Amino acid sequence: RYFLFFFISLIIFSNNSYAKWGKGPLKLDKFTAETVIMYMYGAGSPKYSGAAKTKHVPVVIAISENGNYSSYFYCPIQYVNRGWCEPRSDEIKSSIKRCEKGSNQKCYIFALKRRIVWKNGGPKVKIKKKDLKSPYIVAKKIQEAGFYDGDISKLSGIDIATGQKSDETNITGEKKSEESNSDEKDIIEELETISKLYES
């Protein structure tokens, strides 16, 4: 009886879990594509003191169905050997809930750890540790899976040591030209101005 109850519970849990996985076409915008790459590297949040210098273990990431917003969980690197870094149901639910609150869109799970679970009809993708030697390879695998249509050479570079975006290089590791850097600064300044006008 116990075995039968456990087996039925496992089926119900699996069905509920798979219902939360993304399904169908998904196209990431540039910012979200860069966020996904940072997630794969376990980049710490720059919001918290010292966290930006530490890489963690990616656990789960949810993405809005329009591909413009995400929410994710990491596991502190020191907990890896304790077996505490497996995705939990509460983290899965919370990442979806936070994503939907921030985007006002339906959100679904995009990846568990470094395995992309969103079913879009493309090849199955798992970012392996050896892939992390090159942010370009990570970006290429995401693009080849059909999740990004933009020019990946224009994505921001990634500092492999921290997983953070680099303003000085692109995804291939090449230094950005002074012209492209000034263009980006102009755009950022314009957005900040618009934001201040909106707030006022």
N, C-alpha and C. Protein backbone atom coordinates (compact mmCIF):
# COMPACT_ATOMS: atom_id res chain seq x y z
N ARG A 1 0.83 -1.21 0.00
CA ARG A 1 0.00 0.00 0.00
C ARG A 1 0.87 1.27 0.00
N TYR A 2 1.90 1.23 0.82
CA TYR A 2 2.79 2.38 0.89
C TYR A 2 3.44 2.63 -0.46
N PHE A 3 3.88 1.56 -1.12
CA PHE A 3 4.54 1.69 -2.42
C PHE A 3 3.57 2.26 -3.44
N LEU A 4 2.30 1.79 -3.41
CA LEU A 4 1.29 2.27 -4.36
C LEU A 4 1.01 3.75 -4.13
N PHE A 5 0.90 4.17 -2.87
CA PHE A 5 0.66 5.57 -2.54
C PHE A 5 1.82 6.44 -3.01
N PHE A 6 3.05 5.93 -2.77
CA PHE A 6 4.25 6.68 -3.18
C PHE A 6 4.28 6.82 -4.70
N PHE A 7 3.95 5.76 -5.43
CA PHE A 7 3.98 5.77 -6.89
C PHE A 7 2.96 6.74 -7.46
N ILE A 8 1.73 6.73 -6.89
CA ILE A 8 0.68 7.66 -7.34
C ILE A 8 1.08 9.10 -7.05
N SER A 9 1.62 9.34 -5.85
CA SER A 9 2.06 10.69 -5.47
C SER A 9 3.16 11.19 -6.42
N LEU A 10 4.05 10.28 -6.80
CA LEU A 10 5.15 10.64 -7.71
C LEU A 10 4.60 11.04 -9.07
N ILE A 11 3.59 10.32 -9.56
CA ILE A 11 2.97 10.64 -10.86
C ILE A 11 2.31 12.01 -10.80
N ILE A 12 1.54 12.27 -9.72
CA ILE A 12 0.85 13.55 -9.56
C ILE A 12 1.86 14.69 -9.50
N PHE A 13 2.93 14.50 -8.70
CA PHE A 13 3.96 15.54 -8.57
C PHE A 13 4.63 15.81 -9.92
N SER A 14 4.92 14.72 -10.66
CA SER A 14 5.59 14.88 -11.97
C SER A 14 4.70 15.63 -12.94
N ASN A 15 3.41 15.30 -12.97
CA ASN A 15 2.48 15.98 -13.88
C ASN A 15 2.36 17.46 -13.54
N ASN A 16 2.28 17.77 -12.23
CA ASN A 16 2.18 19.17 -11.81
C ASN A 16 3.46 19.92 -12.15
N SER A 17 4.61 19.25 -12.00
CA SER A 17 5.89 19.89 -12.30
C SER A 17 6.01 20.19 -13.78
N TYR A 18 5.67 19.19 -14.62
CA TYR A 18 5.80 19.39 -16.06
C TYR A 18 4.83 20.45 -16.56
N ALA A 19 3.72 20.65 -15.85
CA ALA A 19 2.76 21.68 -16.25
C ALA A 19 3.36 23.07 -16.12
N LYS A 20 4.40 23.19 -15.31
CA LYS A 20 5.04 24.49 -15.09
C LYS A 20 6.17 24.75 -16.08
N TRP A 21 6.56 23.71 -16.84
CA TRP A 21 7.63 23.89 -17.82
C TRP A 21 7.10 24.67 -19.02
N GLY A 22 7.95 25.53 -19.59
CA GLY A 22 7.54 26.29 -20.77
C GLY A 22 7.35 25.38 -21.98
N LYS A 23 6.40 25.77 -22.81
CA LYS A 23 6.12 24.98 -24.00
C LYS A 23 5.69 25.90 -25.13
N GLY A 24 6.21 25.67 -26.32
CA GLY A 24 5.86 26.49 -27.47
C GLY A 24 6.97 27.47 -27.82
N PRO A 25 6.77 28.27 -28.86
CA PRO A 25 7.80 29.22 -29.31
C PRO A 25 8.15 30.23 -28.21
N LEU A 26 9.44 30.52 -28.09
CA LEU A 26 9.90 31.53 -27.14
C LEU A 26 11.10 32.24 -27.75
N LYS A 27 11.02 33.56 -27.81
CA LYS A 27 12.13 34.36 -28.31
C LYS A 27 12.56 35.35 -27.22
N LEU A 28 13.79 35.22 -26.77
CA LEU A 28 14.32 36.10 -25.74
C LEU A 28 14.75 37.43 -26.34
N ASP A 29 14.47 38.53 -25.62
CA ASP A 29 15.04 39.80 -26.06
C ASP A 29 16.50 39.84 -25.62
N LYS A 30 17.23 40.86 -26.03
CA LYS A 30 18.67 40.93 -25.78
C LYS A 30 18.99 40.90 -24.29
N PHE A 31 18.26 41.70 -23.51
CA PHE A 31 18.53 41.79 -22.08
C PHE A 31 18.30 40.43 -21.41
N THR A 32 17.19 39.75 -21.75
CA THR A 32 16.88 38.46 -21.12
C THR A 32 17.86 37.39 -21.57
N ALA A 33 18.29 37.44 -22.83
CA ALA A 33 19.30 36.49 -23.31
C ALA A 33 20.59 36.64 -22.51
N GLU A 34 20.99 37.90 -22.25
CA GLU A 34 22.19 38.14 -21.45
C GLU A 34 22.00 37.67 -20.01
N THR A 35 20.78 37.85 -19.48
CA THR A 35 20.48 37.40 -18.12
C THR A 35 20.56 35.88 -18.03
N VAL A 36 20.06 35.18 -19.05
CA VAL A 36 20.11 33.71 -19.08
C VAL A 36 21.57 33.24 -19.08
N ILE A 37 22.41 33.91 -19.86
CA ILE A 37 23.82 33.53 -19.91
C ILE A 37 24.47 33.76 -18.54
N MET A 38 24.17 34.90 -17.92
CA MET A 38 24.70 35.17 -16.57
C MET A 38 24.21 34.11 -15.58
N TYR A 39 22.94 33.72 -15.72
CA TYR A 39 22.38 32.67 -14.86
C TYR A 39 23.16 31.38 -15.00
N MET A 40 23.48 31.01 -16.23
CA MET A 40 24.23 29.77 -16.47
C MET A 40 25.59 29.80 -15.78
N TYR A 41 26.17 31.00 -15.65
CA TYR A 41 27.46 31.16 -14.97
C TYR A 41 27.30 31.29 -13.46
N GLY A 42 26.08 31.48 -12.98
CA GLY A 42 25.86 31.63 -11.54
C GLY A 42 26.30 32.98 -11.02
N ALA A 43 26.11 34.02 -11.83
CA ALA A 43 26.54 35.36 -11.43
C ALA A 43 25.79 35.85 -10.21
N GLY A 44 26.52 36.32 -9.21
CA GLY A 44 25.89 36.89 -8.03
C GLY A 44 25.25 38.22 -8.35
N SER A 45 24.24 38.60 -7.60
CA SER A 45 23.55 39.86 -7.86
C SER A 45 24.39 41.05 -7.42
N PRO A 46 24.59 42.04 -8.31
CA PRO A 46 25.35 43.24 -7.94
C PRO A 46 24.65 44.07 -6.86
N LYS A 47 23.37 43.77 -6.59
CA LYS A 47 22.62 44.54 -5.58
C LYS A 47 23.18 44.30 -4.18
N TYR A 48 23.78 43.13 -3.97
CA TYR A 48 24.23 42.79 -2.62
C TYR A 48 25.74 42.91 -2.51
N SER A 49 26.17 43.48 -1.44
CA SER A 49 27.61 43.75 -1.22
C SER A 49 28.44 42.47 -1.31
N GLY A 50 29.41 42.49 -2.20
CA GLY A 50 30.32 41.34 -2.33
C GLY A 50 29.79 40.21 -3.18
N ALA A 51 28.45 40.15 -3.40
CA ALA A 51 27.86 39.02 -4.12
C ALA A 51 28.27 39.00 -5.58
N ALA A 52 28.52 40.18 -6.14
CA ALA A 52 28.88 40.26 -7.55
C ALA A 52 30.22 39.59 -7.84
N LYS A 53 31.04 39.42 -6.81
CA LYS A 53 32.35 38.82 -7.00
C LYS A 53 32.33 37.31 -6.80
N THR A 54 31.16 36.76 -6.47
CA THR A 54 31.04 35.33 -6.18
C THR A 54 30.10 34.65 -7.14
N LYS A 55 30.51 33.51 -7.68
CA LYS A 55 29.62 32.72 -8.53
C LYS A 55 28.92 31.68 -7.68
N HIS A 56 27.67 31.41 -8.01
CA HIS A 56 26.86 30.43 -7.29
C HIS A 56 26.43 29.33 -8.24
N VAL A 57 25.58 28.44 -7.76
CA VAL A 57 25.09 27.33 -8.57
C VAL A 57 23.70 27.67 -9.08
N PRO A 58 23.49 27.72 -10.40
CA PRO A 58 22.15 28.02 -10.91
C PRO A 58 21.19 26.89 -10.55
N VAL A 59 19.99 27.25 -10.07
CA VAL A 59 19.02 26.24 -9.64
C VAL A 59 17.80 26.22 -10.55
N VAL A 60 17.16 27.37 -10.73
CA VAL A 60 15.96 27.42 -11.58
C VAL A 60 15.77 28.84 -12.11
N ILE A 61 15.30 28.94 -13.35
CA ILE A 61 14.99 30.25 -13.93
C ILE A 61 13.66 30.16 -14.67
N ALA A 62 12.79 31.13 -14.38
CA ALA A 62 11.51 31.24 -15.07
C ALA A 62 11.55 32.44 -16.00
N ILE A 63 10.86 32.33 -17.14
CA ILE A 63 10.85 33.41 -18.13
C ILE A 63 9.43 33.66 -18.59
N SER A 64 9.12 34.94 -18.82
CA SER A 64 7.78 35.31 -19.30
C SER A 64 7.58 34.79 -20.72
N GLU A 65 6.32 34.54 -21.09
CA GLU A 65 6.05 33.94 -22.39
C GLU A 65 6.41 34.87 -23.55
N ASN A 66 6.58 36.18 -23.27
CA ASN A 66 7.01 37.09 -24.34
C ASN A 66 8.53 37.22 -24.40
N GLY A 67 9.23 36.53 -23.50
CA GLY A 67 10.69 36.50 -23.53
C GLY A 67 11.38 37.75 -23.04
N ASN A 68 10.64 38.62 -22.32
CA ASN A 68 11.20 39.92 -21.92
C ASN A 68 11.51 40.04 -20.43
N TYR A 69 11.28 38.98 -19.65
CA TYR A 69 11.47 39.10 -18.20
C TYR A 69 11.82 37.72 -17.63
N SER A 70 12.59 37.73 -16.53
CA SER A 70 12.98 36.46 -15.92
C SER A 70 13.10 36.60 -14.41
N SER A 71 13.08 35.47 -13.75
CA SER A 71 13.30 35.41 -12.30
C SER A 71 14.00 34.09 -12.01
N TYR A 72 15.00 34.13 -11.12
CA TYR A 72 15.80 32.91 -10.95
C TYR A 72 16.25 32.74 -9.50
N PHE A 73 16.71 31.53 -9.20
CA PHE A 73 17.26 31.20 -7.89
C PHE A 73 18.65 30.60 -8.07
N TYR A 74 19.55 30.96 -7.16
CA TYR A 74 20.87 30.33 -7.09
C TYR A 74 21.00 29.59 -5.77
N CYS A 75 21.98 28.69 -5.74
CA CYS A 75 22.34 28.02 -4.49
C CYS A 75 23.77 28.44 -4.15
N PRO A 76 24.02 28.90 -2.91
CA PRO A 76 25.39 29.28 -2.54
C PRO A 76 26.37 28.14 -2.80
N ILE A 77 27.50 28.49 -3.37
CA ILE A 77 28.48 27.50 -3.80
C ILE A 77 28.92 26.57 -2.66
N GLN A 78 28.92 27.08 -1.42
CA GLN A 78 29.40 26.28 -0.30
C GLN A 78 28.45 25.14 0.06
N TYR A 79 27.22 25.18 -0.49
CA TYR A 79 26.25 24.12 -0.17
C TYR A 79 26.23 22.98 -1.18
N VAL A 80 27.06 23.06 -2.22
CA VAL A 80 27.04 22.05 -3.28
C VAL A 80 27.32 20.66 -2.74
N ASN A 81 28.36 20.52 -1.95
CA ASN A 81 28.76 19.21 -1.44
C ASN A 81 27.79 18.66 -0.39
N ARG A 82 26.89 19.49 0.08
CA ARG A 82 25.90 19.04 1.07
C ARG A 82 24.63 18.51 0.40
N GLY A 83 24.59 18.62 -0.92
CA GLY A 83 23.42 18.12 -1.65
C GLY A 83 22.20 19.00 -1.51
N TRP A 84 22.40 20.28 -1.25
CA TRP A 84 21.28 21.20 -1.03
C TRP A 84 20.94 22.03 -2.27
N CYS A 85 21.56 21.73 -3.39
CA CYS A 85 21.40 22.60 -4.57
C CYS A 85 20.47 22.03 -5.64
N GLU A 86 19.63 21.06 -5.28
CA GLU A 86 18.66 20.55 -6.23
C GLU A 86 17.42 21.46 -6.24
N PRO A 87 16.80 21.66 -7.41
CA PRO A 87 15.60 22.52 -7.48
C PRO A 87 14.48 21.99 -6.58
N ARG A 88 13.91 22.87 -5.77
CA ARG A 88 12.80 22.50 -4.89
C ARG A 88 11.50 23.07 -5.44
N SER A 89 10.39 22.44 -5.09
CA SER A 89 9.09 22.87 -5.60
C SER A 89 8.76 24.29 -5.18
N ASP A 90 9.17 24.70 -3.95
CA ASP A 90 8.87 26.06 -3.51
C ASP A 90 9.67 27.09 -4.31
N GLU A 91 10.90 26.74 -4.70
CA GLU A 91 11.71 27.65 -5.52
C GLU A 91 11.13 27.77 -6.93
N ILE A 92 10.64 26.65 -7.45
CA ILE A 92 10.02 26.65 -8.78
C ILE A 92 8.78 27.55 -8.78
N LYS A 93 7.92 27.37 -7.77
CA LYS A 93 6.71 28.18 -7.68
C LYS A 93 7.03 29.65 -7.47
N SER A 94 8.02 29.92 -6.60
CA SER A 94 8.37 31.29 -6.28
C SER A 94 8.98 32.01 -7.48
N SER A 95 9.81 31.32 -8.26
CA SER A 95 10.43 31.96 -9.43
C SER A 95 9.36 32.32 -10.46
N ILE A 96 8.37 31.46 -10.62
CA ILE A 96 7.26 31.75 -11.55
C ILE A 96 6.44 32.93 -11.04
N LYS A 97 6.14 32.90 -9.74
CA LYS A 97 5.32 33.96 -9.15
C LYS A 97 6.00 35.32 -9.26
N ARG A 98 7.30 35.38 -8.95
CA ARG A 98 8.04 36.64 -9.03
C ARG A 98 8.13 37.14 -10.47
N CYS A 99 8.31 36.21 -11.38
CA CYS A 99 8.39 36.56 -12.80
C CYS A 99 7.07 37.15 -13.29
N GLU A 100 5.97 36.52 -12.89
CA GLU A 100 4.65 37.00 -13.33
C GLU A 100 4.31 38.35 -12.70
N LYS A 101 4.74 38.55 -11.46
CA LYS A 101 4.49 39.83 -10.79
C LYS A 101 5.27 40.95 -11.47
N GLY A 102 6.51 40.66 -11.87
CA GLY A 102 7.34 41.68 -12.47
C GLY A 102 7.03 41.96 -13.93
N SER A 103 6.45 40.98 -14.62
CA SER A 103 6.22 41.13 -16.07
C SER A 103 4.76 41.33 -16.46
N ASN A 104 3.84 41.00 -15.54
CA ASN A 104 2.41 40.99 -15.87
C ASN A 104 2.12 40.08 -17.05
N GLN A 105 2.90 39.02 -17.15
CA GLN A 105 2.75 38.01 -18.19
C GLN A 105 2.72 36.64 -17.52
N LYS A 106 2.24 35.64 -18.26
CA LYS A 106 2.35 34.27 -17.78
C LYS A 106 3.82 33.87 -17.88
N CYS A 107 4.33 33.20 -16.85
CA CYS A 107 5.72 32.77 -16.84
C CYS A 107 5.80 31.25 -16.64
N TYR A 108 6.85 30.69 -17.19
CA TYR A 108 7.06 29.25 -17.08
C TYR A 108 8.55 28.98 -16.86
N ILE A 109 8.86 27.77 -16.41
CA ILE A 109 10.24 27.41 -16.15
C ILE A 109 10.99 27.25 -17.47
N PHE A 110 12.14 27.94 -17.55
CA PHE A 110 12.99 27.86 -18.74
C PHE A 110 14.09 26.82 -18.56
N ALA A 111 14.70 26.81 -17.37
CA ALA A 111 15.80 25.87 -17.13
C ALA A 111 15.84 25.44 -15.67
N LEU A 112 16.23 24.20 -15.46
CA LEU A 112 16.56 23.68 -14.14
C LEU A 112 18.06 23.46 -14.12
N LYS A 113 18.72 24.10 -13.17
CA LYS A 113 20.18 24.11 -13.16
C LYS A 113 20.64 24.61 -14.53
N ARG A 114 21.46 23.84 -15.26
CA ARG A 114 21.90 24.31 -16.58
C ARG A 114 21.23 23.53 -17.71
N ARG A 115 20.13 22.86 -17.41
CA ARG A 115 19.40 22.10 -18.44
C ARG A 115 18.15 22.86 -18.83
N ILE A 116 18.05 23.24 -20.09
CA ILE A 116 16.88 23.97 -20.57
C ILE A 116 15.72 22.98 -20.74
N VAL A 117 14.60 23.27 -20.05
CA VAL A 117 13.44 22.36 -20.07
C VAL A 117 12.29 22.93 -20.90
N TRP A 118 12.43 24.17 -21.38
CA TRP A 118 11.37 24.77 -22.20
C TRP A 118 11.32 24.01 -23.53
N LYS A 119 10.14 23.45 -23.85
CA LYS A 119 9.97 22.66 -25.07
C LYS A 119 9.47 23.56 -26.20
N ASN A 120 10.35 23.81 -27.16
CA ASN A 120 9.96 24.65 -28.29
C ASN A 120 10.08 23.90 -29.63
N GLY A 121 10.25 22.58 -29.53
CA GLY A 121 10.40 21.79 -30.74
C GLY A 121 11.83 21.68 -31.23
N GLY A 122 12.74 22.44 -30.60
CA GLY A 122 14.14 22.42 -30.99
C GLY A 122 14.89 21.33 -30.24
N PRO A 123 16.21 21.25 -30.46
CA PRO A 123 17.01 20.23 -29.77
C PRO A 123 17.09 20.48 -28.28
N LYS A 124 17.24 19.40 -27.50
CA LYS A 124 17.41 19.54 -26.07
C LYS A 124 18.77 20.17 -25.80
N VAL A 125 18.81 21.06 -24.81
CA VAL A 125 20.04 21.80 -24.54
C VAL A 125 20.43 21.68 -23.07
N LYS A 126 21.68 21.37 -22.86
CA LYS A 126 22.25 21.41 -21.51
C LYS A 126 23.60 22.10 -21.62
N ILE A 127 23.78 23.14 -20.83
CA ILE A 127 25.06 23.84 -20.81
C ILE A 127 26.00 23.08 -19.89
N LYS A 128 27.06 22.53 -20.48
CA LYS A 128 28.01 21.74 -19.71
C LYS A 128 29.11 22.64 -19.15
N LYS A 129 29.82 22.12 -18.16
CA LYS A 129 30.88 22.91 -17.53
C LYS A 129 31.94 23.33 -18.54
N LYS A 130 32.24 22.45 -19.50
CA LYS A 130 33.26 22.80 -20.49
C LYS A 130 32.79 23.94 -21.41
N ASP A 131 31.45 24.08 -21.56
CA ASP A 131 30.91 25.17 -22.39
C ASP A 131 31.17 26.53 -21.75
N LEU A 132 31.28 26.54 -20.42
CA LEU A 132 31.45 27.80 -19.70
C LEU A 132 32.81 28.45 -19.91
N LYS A 133 33.70 27.73 -20.60
CA LYS A 133 35.00 28.32 -20.92
C LYS A 133 34.84 29.46 -21.93
N SER A 134 33.71 29.45 -22.65
CA SER A 134 33.47 30.48 -23.66
C SER A 134 32.02 30.95 -23.62
N PRO A 135 31.77 32.20 -23.21
CA PRO A 135 30.40 32.73 -23.21
C PRO A 135 29.76 32.67 -24.61
N TYR A 136 30.60 32.75 -25.64
CA TYR A 136 30.08 32.68 -27.01
C TYR A 136 29.46 31.32 -27.29
N ILE A 137 30.08 30.25 -26.78
CA ILE A 137 29.53 28.90 -26.98
C ILE A 137 28.18 28.78 -26.28
N VAL A 138 28.08 29.33 -25.07
CA VAL A 138 26.81 29.31 -24.32
C VAL A 138 25.73 30.04 -25.11
N ALA A 139 26.07 31.23 -25.61
CA ALA A 139 25.12 32.02 -26.40
C ALA A 139 24.72 31.27 -27.68
N LYS A 140 25.70 30.64 -28.31
CA LYS A 140 25.45 29.92 -29.56
C LYS A 140 24.49 28.75 -29.34
N LYS A 141 24.65 28.03 -28.24
CA LYS A 141 23.78 26.89 -27.95
C LYS A 141 22.34 27.35 -27.71
N ILE A 142 22.20 28.49 -27.04
CA ILE A 142 20.87 29.04 -26.79
C ILE A 142 20.23 29.48 -28.11
N GLN A 143 21.04 30.08 -28.98
CA GLN A 143 20.53 30.52 -30.28
C GLN A 143 20.17 29.33 -31.16
N GLU A 144 21.04 28.32 -31.21
CA GLU A 144 20.79 27.14 -32.05
C GLU A 144 19.57 26.36 -31.59
N ALA A 145 19.22 26.50 -30.30
CA ALA A 145 18.01 25.86 -29.79
C ALA A 145 16.75 26.63 -30.17
N GLY A 146 16.93 27.80 -30.82
CA GLY A 146 15.78 28.56 -31.31
C GLY A 146 15.24 29.61 -30.36
N PHE A 147 16.01 29.95 -29.30
CA PHE A 147 15.49 30.89 -28.31
C PHE A 147 15.94 32.34 -28.52
N TYR A 148 16.85 32.56 -29.47
CA TYR A 148 17.32 33.93 -29.69
C TYR A 148 17.60 34.13 -31.18
N ASP A 149 16.96 35.17 -31.74
CA ASP A 149 17.10 35.44 -33.17
C ASP A 149 18.06 36.59 -33.48
N GLY A 150 18.52 37.28 -32.45
CA GLY A 150 19.39 38.42 -32.67
C GLY A 150 20.81 38.01 -33.03
N ASP A 151 21.63 38.99 -33.29
CA ASP A 151 23.04 38.78 -33.60
C ASP A 151 23.78 38.56 -32.28
N ILE A 152 24.23 37.33 -32.03
CA ILE A 152 24.83 37.04 -30.72
C ILE A 152 26.17 37.75 -30.53
N SER A 153 26.79 38.15 -31.63
CA SER A 153 28.07 38.87 -31.50
C SER A 153 27.89 40.24 -30.86
N LYS A 154 26.64 40.72 -30.80
CA LYS A 154 26.36 42.02 -30.20
C LYS A 154 25.94 41.92 -28.73
N LEU A 155 25.88 40.69 -28.22
CA LEU A 155 25.57 40.51 -26.80
C LEU A 155 26.75 40.97 -25.96
N SER A 156 26.46 41.44 -24.76
CA SER A 156 27.53 41.90 -23.87
C SER A 156 28.45 40.75 -23.49
N GLY A 157 29.71 41.09 -23.25
CA GLY A 157 30.67 40.08 -22.82
C GLY A 157 30.39 39.61 -21.40
N ILE A 158 30.97 38.49 -21.04
CA ILE A 158 30.82 37.94 -19.70
C ILE A 158 32.20 37.74 -19.08
N ASP A 159 32.34 38.23 -17.86
CA ASP A 159 33.55 37.99 -17.09
C ASP A 159 33.44 36.58 -16.52
N ILE A 160 34.24 35.66 -17.04
CA ILE A 160 34.12 34.25 -16.65
C ILE A 160 34.37 34.06 -15.15
N ALA A 161 35.21 34.88 -14.56
CA ALA A 161 35.54 34.74 -13.14
C ALA A 161 34.35 35.03 -12.24
N THR A 162 33.51 36.00 -12.63
CA THR A 162 32.38 36.41 -11.79
C THR A 162 31.03 36.09 -12.40
N GLY A 163 30.99 35.89 -13.73
CA GLY A 163 29.72 35.67 -14.41
C GLY A 163 28.99 36.95 -14.74
N GLN A 164 29.57 38.09 -14.36
CA GLN A 164 28.92 39.39 -14.59
C GLN A 164 29.13 39.86 -16.03
N LYS A 165 28.20 40.71 -16.48
CA LYS A 165 28.35 41.31 -17.80
C LYS A 165 29.54 42.27 -17.81
N SER A 166 30.20 42.31 -18.94
CA SER A 166 31.33 43.22 -19.11
C SER A 166 30.95 44.31 -20.10
N ASP A 167 31.15 45.55 -19.71
CA ASP A 167 30.84 46.67 -20.59
C ASP A 167 31.95 46.93 -21.60
N GLU A 168 33.10 46.30 -21.38
CA GLU A 168 34.25 46.58 -22.23
C GLU A 168 34.41 45.60 -23.39
N THR A 169 33.79 44.42 -23.28
CA THR A 169 33.91 43.42 -24.35
C THR A 169 32.54 42.93 -24.80
N ASN A 170 32.51 42.31 -25.99
CA ASN A 170 31.29 41.65 -26.42
C ASN A 170 31.38 40.16 -26.08
N ILE A 171 30.41 39.39 -26.50
CA ILE A 171 30.31 37.98 -26.11
C ILE A 171 31.49 37.14 -26.61
N THR A 172 32.14 37.61 -27.67
CA THR A 172 33.28 36.87 -28.22
C THR A 172 34.57 37.19 -27.48
N GLY A 173 34.52 38.17 -26.58
CA GLY A 173 35.70 38.56 -25.83
C GLY A 173 36.46 39.71 -26.46
N GLU A 174 35.99 40.17 -27.63
CA GLU A 174 36.64 41.30 -28.30
C GLU A 174 36.26 42.61 -27.61
N LYS A 175 37.21 43.54 -27.57
CA LYS A 175 36.93 44.84 -26.96
C LYS A 175 35.96 45.63 -27.83
N LYS A 176 35.02 46.29 -27.16
CA LYS A 176 34.06 47.12 -27.88
C LYS A 176 34.75 48.39 -28.36
N SER A 177 34.30 48.88 -29.49
CA SER A 177 34.85 50.14 -30.00
C SER A 177 34.35 51.28 -29.14
N GLU A 178 35.09 52.38 -29.12
CA GLU A 178 34.69 53.56 -28.33
C GLU A 178 33.35 54.10 -28.81
N GLU A 179 33.10 53.93 -30.11
CA GLU A 179 31.84 54.43 -30.69
C GLU A 179 30.65 53.67 -30.15
N SER A 180 30.76 52.32 -30.08
CA SER A 180 29.65 51.51 -29.58
C SER A 180 29.44 51.75 -28.09
N ASN A 181 30.54 51.97 -27.35
CA ASN A 181 30.42 52.26 -25.92
C ASN A 181 29.69 53.58 -25.69
N SER A 182 30.01 54.59 -26.50
CA SER A 182 29.36 55.90 -26.34
C SER A 182 27.89 55.81 -26.72
N ASP A 183 27.57 55.00 -27.74
CA ASP A 183 26.17 54.81 -28.14
C ASP A 183 25.37 54.20 -27.00
N GLU A 184 25.96 53.18 -26.33
CA GLU A 184 25.27 52.53 -25.22
C GLU A 184 25.07 53.50 -24.06
N LYS A 185 26.09 54.33 -23.79
CA LYS A 185 25.98 55.31 -22.70
C LYS A 185 24.88 56.31 -23.01
N ASP A 186 24.76 56.72 -24.29
CA ASP A 186 23.72 57.66 -24.69
C ASP A 186 22.34 57.05 -24.45
N ILE A 187 22.18 55.78 -24.81
CA ILE A 187 20.90 55.09 -24.63
C ILE A 187 20.55 55.00 -23.15
N ILE A 188 21.54 54.64 -22.33
CA ILE A 188 21.32 54.53 -20.88
C ILE A 188 20.91 55.88 -20.29
N GLU A 189 21.59 56.94 -20.72
CA GLU A 189 21.26 58.29 -20.23
C GLU A 189 19.84 58.68 -20.64
N GLU A 190 19.46 58.33 -21.87
CA GLU A 190 18.11 58.64 -22.34
C GLU A 190 17.06 57.89 -21.52
N LEU A 191 17.33 56.62 -21.24
CA LEU A 191 16.40 55.81 -20.45
C LEU A 191 16.27 56.36 -19.03
N GLU A 192 17.40 56.78 -18.45
CA GLU A 192 17.36 57.36 -17.10
C GLU A 192 16.55 58.65 -17.08
N THR A 193 16.71 59.46 -18.13
CA THR A 193 15.94 60.70 -18.24
C THR A 193 14.45 60.42 -18.34
N ILE A 194 14.10 59.44 -19.20
CA ILE A 194 12.69 59.05 -19.38
C ILE A 194 12.11 58.55 -18.07
N SER A 195 12.93 57.73 -17.34
CA SER A 195 12.48 57.17 -16.06
C SER A 195 12.20 58.28 -15.05
N LYS A 196 13.09 59.28 -14.99
CA LYS A 196 12.91 60.41 -14.06
C LYS A 196 11.68 61.22 -14.42
N LEU A 197 11.46 61.43 -15.72
CA LEU A 197 10.28 62.17 -16.18
C LEU A 197 9.00 61.43 -15.79
N TYR A 198 9.03 60.10 -15.97
CA TYR A 198 7.87 59.27 -15.63
C TYR A 198 7.56 59.37 -14.14
N GLU A 199 8.62 59.28 -13.32
CA GLU A 199 8.44 59.34 -11.86
C GLU A 199 7.90 60.69 -11.41
N SER A 200 8.39 61.76 -12.06
CA SER A 200 7.94 63.10 -11.67
C SER A 200 6.50 63.36 -12.17
